Protein backbone atom coordinates (compact mmCIF):
# COMPACT_ATOMS: atom_id res chain seq x y z
CA MET A 1 0.00 0.00 0.00
CA SER A 2 1.36 3.41 -0.92
CA THR A 3 1.89 6.17 1.58
CA TRP A 4 1.31 9.81 0.77
CA VAL A 5 3.10 12.47 2.76
CA LEU A 6 1.75 15.98 3.19
CA LEU A 7 4.69 18.35 3.38
CA VAL A 8 3.85 21.68 4.94
CA VAL A 9 6.21 24.61 4.82
CA THR A 10 5.26 27.60 6.93
CA LEU A 11 6.79 30.66 5.36
CA LEU A 12 7.54 33.05 8.18
CA ASN A 13 8.82 36.42 7.10
CA THR A 14 9.11 37.79 10.62
CA THR A 15 12.40 39.04 11.93
CA ASN A 16 13.61 38.29 15.41
CA PRO A 17 14.79 41.53 17.04
CA HIS A 18 17.29 39.60 19.16
CA THR A 19 19.18 38.06 16.27
CA ASP A 20 18.33 40.35 13.32
CA LYS A 21 17.83 37.23 11.23
CA GLY A 22 14.69 36.11 9.51
CA SER A 23 13.28 32.98 11.06
CA SER A 24 13.71 29.83 9.05
CA PRO A 25 10.69 28.14 7.47
CA MET A 26 9.05 25.49 9.59
CA VAL A 27 8.48 22.13 7.95
CA ALA A 28 5.87 19.63 9.08
CA MET A 29 4.99 16.21 7.70
CA GLN A 30 1.92 14.06 7.97
CA GLU A 31 1.35 10.65 6.39
CA PHE A 32 -1.81 9.46 4.67
CA ASN A 33 -2.74 6.20 3.00
CA SER A 34 -4.33 7.76 -0.07
CA GLN A 35 -3.77 10.74 -2.30
CA LYS A 36 -7.34 11.92 -1.77
CA THR A 37 -7.10 12.17 2.02
CA CYS A 38 -3.76 13.94 1.61
CA MET A 39 -5.19 16.47 -0.83
CA ASP A 40 -8.24 17.06 1.36
CA ALA A 41 -6.02 17.79 4.36
CA ARG A 42 -3.90 20.09 2.20
CA THR A 43 -6.97 22.04 1.08
CA GLN A 44 -8.15 22.48 4.67
CA LEU A 45 -4.72 23.68 5.81
CA ILE A 46 -4.42 26.28 3.07
CA LYS A 47 -7.94 27.53 3.80
CA MET A 48 -6.99 28.03 7.45
CA ASN A 49 -3.59 29.54 6.75
CA PRO A 50 -3.10 30.98 3.23
CA SER A 51 0.53 31.88 3.92
CA ILE A 52 1.67 28.28 4.01
CA SER A 53 2.87 26.08 1.21
CA ALA A 54 1.79 22.45 1.22
CA SER A 55 2.17 19.56 -1.17
CA CYS A 56 1.37 15.88 -1.25
CA VAL A 57 4.13 13.54 -2.32
CA LEU A 58 4.27 9.79 -2.70
CA LYS A 59 6.60 8.27 -0.16
C-alpha cells in the first residue's frame, strides 16, 4: 500500500529583534494512506492559513 506524505512549509517572514535574522521556514509532515485524504487535508490547511505552502508527495 502506498503512503502519501503531506509536506507543509510555513513561510515566516518575521524578523527576530534579538538576532536580526529572519526565522527559518518550519516544515511539518503528515502521512496518509491515499492521495485523496492527503489532498483534502492540504486544502483544509491552506484555507486556514493561506501563507503556508503544502504539497502531497508519494513516499
